[in-house]
Structures are given as structure tokens and as C-alpha cells.
Amino acid sequence: MVTARSSRRRGRRNRDRHGRGLRGPLFPSTLPAASTRAEKFDALVLDALEPIEARWRTELTKLDVAVDDVPEVPDGATPDGVLADSGVPLARLVQAGVDRRGQPTRARIVLYRRPLEARAKDGADLAGLIHDVLVEQVATYLGLDPGVVEGEG
């Protein structure tokens, strides 16, 4: 049998002892403020990739761009294709190859969100850092100078 006291407690899980508290989301999901840090980072990556992809569309058709929260760093030496700052990986270029099942894989650039966010002072600095890292990694993938990828040379 359920008593009145236990049914009241069940209804107050998200409330403080005075019956106050959040009754729903703080912001509607359509507003940018409702986005998580990971979603905001993904949007910055897409914004930074857009001008690079517009310029190098045909050369980048077999390249994927991905985001991981933190890098998986094996003990010992830094793997090939890793762009690091003070030994902390910021991004990695994984060349095309074959997976464990023998299936071909596409080349991809993996950006590491948490190390990049830790090095940025604010949102504008983070956007610039993401752009610089993407330019560097795309230049490595294409075998070009970063200034050429950027459109400076």
C-alpha cells in the first residue's frame, strides 16, 4: 500500500524542500544556449572546415573529420600524424588503410576537444585554434605548405 507521504516524495524528486526547482529545461532546445559544449565545439569545427573544404573540395573527397573528447595516448612515443602542443595531442591525421576485418578505411582527421578547449582563452580564440589545427592537418594530408592550404601562397 502506498501512503500519501511516499507518493508526495516521489513527485518532488526534481524539487528542493520548498517545492521549488527546475520544472523543465532552462532554455528551449531551439536556442544556442541549450547546446552542450560538445555540440558547440562541433559547430566551430564545421565553421572552420567550411572555407577549407570550399577551396579544396575535390582533393578532400576521401577525407573525414571527426572529434573525440580526449586522445588515447599509448605509453611511449607519439604516434605518426599527431599534432601536439607540449606533448599533449591536439589532433591526429589517420591515413587510409585497412581495418581489423580487412575492410578499407578512409583517411580522417581527429580533433581532440578537451585539449583544444584547455588552450583557448575564449570562444574566438578556440575558433582560431581549431582553424589553425585543421589547416595544419589538411596541409599534411595534401602534402602542401599550410600557407597554400590557407590561400596565402
Protein backbone atom coordinates (compact mmCIF):
# COMPACT_ATOMS: atom_id res chain seq x y z
CA MET A 1 0.00 0.00 0.00
CA VAL A 2 1.28 3.46 -0.91
CA THR A 3 0.91 6.12 1.73
CA ALA A 4 0.33 9.80 1.00
CA ARG A 5 3.77 10.67 2.30
CA SER A 6 5.67 8.34 -0.09
CA SER A 7 3.62 9.45 -3.12
CA ARG A 8 4.40 13.10 -2.30
CA ARG A 9 8.13 12.37 -2.19
CA ARG A 10 8.02 10.58 -5.49
CA GLY A 11 6.57 13.68 -7.16
CA ARG A 12 9.20 16.01 -5.63
CA ARG A 13 12.34 14.34 -6.95
CA ASN A 14 13.40 17.35 -9.01
CA ARG A 15 12.37 19.92 -6.45
CA ASP A 16 14.03 21.34 -3.38
CA ARG A 17 12.45 21.06 0.06
CA HIS A 18 10.21 24.07 -0.59
CA GLY A 19 8.71 22.63 -3.77
CA ARG A 20 10.84 24.89 -5.95
CA GLY A 21 13.30 23.97 -8.61
CA LEU A 22 13.54 23.47 -12.33
CA ARG A 23 10.31 22.24 -13.82
CA GLY A 24 11.73 21.85 -17.29
CA PRO A 25 14.64 22.82 -19.44
CA LEU A 26 16.23 26.17 -18.67
CA PHE A 27 16.36 27.13 -22.36
CA PRO A 28 14.25 25.91 -25.28
CA SER A 29 16.18 23.42 -27.40
CA THR A 30 15.97 25.79 -30.39
CA LEU A 31 18.22 28.39 -28.73
CA PRO A 32 22.02 28.20 -28.93
CA ALA A 33 22.31 28.41 -25.14
CA ALA A 34 20.71 24.95 -24.88
CA SER A 35 23.63 23.36 -26.79
CA THR A 36 26.18 21.31 -24.92
CA ARG A 37 29.89 22.17 -25.03
CA ALA A 38 30.46 19.25 -27.38
CA GLU A 39 27.73 20.47 -29.75
CA LYS A 40 29.18 23.99 -29.72
CA PHE A 41 32.64 22.57 -30.45
CA ASP A 42 31.26 20.52 -33.35
CA ALA A 43 29.68 23.68 -34.78
CA LEU A 44 33.03 25.51 -34.52
CA VAL A 45 34.73 22.63 -36.36
CA LEU A 46 32.16 22.77 -39.16
CA ASP A 47 32.56 26.56 -39.43
CA ALA A 48 36.35 26.26 -39.58
CA LEU A 49 36.20 23.44 -42.13
CA GLU A 50 33.80 25.21 -44.49
CA PRO A 51 36.28 27.62 -46.18
CA ILE A 52 38.96 24.91 -46.41
CA GLU A 53 36.51 22.47 -47.96
CA ALA A 54 35.21 25.11 -50.37
CA ARG A 55 38.74 25.69 -51.69
CA TRP A 56 39.93 22.05 -51.72
CA ARG A 57 36.66 20.17 -52.30
CA THR A 58 37.94 17.74 -54.95
CA GLU A 59 41.11 16.88 -53.02
CA LEU A 60 39.23 16.25 -49.77
CA THR A 61 36.54 13.88 -51.06
CA LYS A 62 38.21 10.87 -49.40
CA LEU A 63 38.90 12.62 -46.06
CA ASP A 64 36.68 12.52 -42.98
CA VAL A 65 36.86 14.87 -39.99
CA ALA A 66 35.97 13.58 -36.53
CA VAL A 67 36.01 14.87 -32.96
CA ASP A 68 37.00 12.94 -29.84
CA ASP A 69 36.87 14.29 -26.32
CA VAL A 70 40.39 13.23 -25.33
CA PRO A 71 43.20 11.43 -27.12
CA GLU A 72 44.11 7.84 -26.40
CA VAL A 73 47.83 8.16 -25.81
CA PRO A 74 49.76 4.90 -25.74
CA ASP A 75 52.77 4.63 -23.45
CA GLY A 76 55.96 5.70 -25.13
CA ALA A 77 56.34 7.57 -28.38
CA THR A 78 53.74 9.79 -30.01
CA PRO A 79 52.09 8.04 -33.00
CA ASP A 80 52.58 9.32 -36.54
CA GLY A 81 50.30 12.09 -37.74
CA VAL A 82 49.73 13.63 -34.30
CA LEU A 83 49.81 17.40 -33.91
CA ALA A 84 50.82 18.04 -30.30
CA ASP A 85 51.42 21.03 -28.02
CA SER A 86 53.87 20.39 -25.17
CA GLY A 87 53.39 16.67 -25.66
CA VAL A 88 49.58 16.83 -25.49
CA PRO A 89 47.89 15.72 -28.74
CA LEU A 90 45.53 18.29 -30.25
CA ALA A 91 44.69 16.42 -33.45
CA ARG A 92 45.68 13.36 -35.41
CA LEU A 93 45.73 12.52 -39.10
CA VAL A 94 44.94 8.85 -39.64
CA GLN A 95 45.89 7.75 -43.15
CA ALA A 96 43.63 5.50 -45.20
CA GLY A 97 44.24 1.82 -44.64
CA VAL A 98 42.59 -1.45 -43.78
CA ASP A 99 40.73 -2.20 -40.54
CA ARG A 100 40.84 -5.41 -38.45
CA ARG A 101 38.20 -7.07 -40.61
CA GLY A 102 40.09 -6.34 -43.82
CA GLN A 103 37.76 -3.53 -44.90
CA PRO A 104 39.29 -0.38 -46.44
CA THR A 105 39.11 2.75 -44.29
CA ARG A 106 39.13 6.39 -45.32
CA ALA A 107 41.68 8.92 -44.16
CA ARG A 108 40.46 11.08 -41.28
CA ILE A 109 41.46 13.99 -39.13
CA VAL A 110 40.55 13.57 -35.47
CA LEU A 111 40.38 16.75 -33.37
CA TYR A 112 40.60 16.37 -29.60
CA ARG A 113 38.05 18.68 -27.97
CA ARG A 114 39.23 18.90 -24.36
CA PRO A 115 42.93 19.71 -25.08
CA LEU A 116 41.89 22.34 -27.63
CA GLU A 117 39.39 23.92 -25.23
CA ALA A 118 42.01 23.96 -22.47
CA ARG A 119 44.39 26.02 -24.64
CA ALA A 120 41.84 28.62 -25.74
CA LYS A 121 41.19 31.79 -23.75
CA ASP A 122 37.67 32.34 -25.11
CA GLY A 123 35.32 31.32 -27.93
CA ALA A 124 37.06 33.41 -30.59
CA ASP A 125 40.45 32.04 -29.59
CA LEU A 126 39.06 28.50 -29.75
CA ALA A 127 37.63 29.09 -33.22
CA GLY A 128 41.01 30.39 -34.42
CA LEU A 129 42.86 27.47 -32.84
CA ILE A 130 40.52 24.94 -34.46
CA HIS A 131 41.02 26.65 -37.82
CA ASP A 132 44.82 26.60 -37.45
CA VAL A 133 44.85 22.92 -36.46
CA LEU A 134 42.58 21.98 -39.36
CA VAL A 135 44.76 23.92 -41.82
CA GLU A 136 47.87 22.17 -40.47
CA GLN A 137 46.31 18.71 -40.69
CA VAL A 138 44.80 19.25 -44.16
CA ALA A 139 48.19 20.53 -45.37
CA THR A 140 49.84 17.36 -44.02
CA TYR A 141 47.18 15.22 -45.72
CA LEU A 142 47.64 17.00 -49.06
CA GLY A 143 51.43 17.23 -48.73
CA LEU A 144 51.35 21.02 -49.05
CA ASP A 145 52.52 24.01 -47.06
CA PRO A 146 49.89 25.32 -44.60
CA GLY A 147 50.08 28.75 -46.28
CA VAL A 148 48.98 27.19 -49.58
CA VAL A 149 46.01 25.48 -47.92
CA GLU A 150 45.12 28.76 -46.22
CA GLY A 151 45.20 30.53 -49.59
CA GLU A 152 48.13 32.79 -48.75
CA GLY A 153 50.64 31.36 -51.21
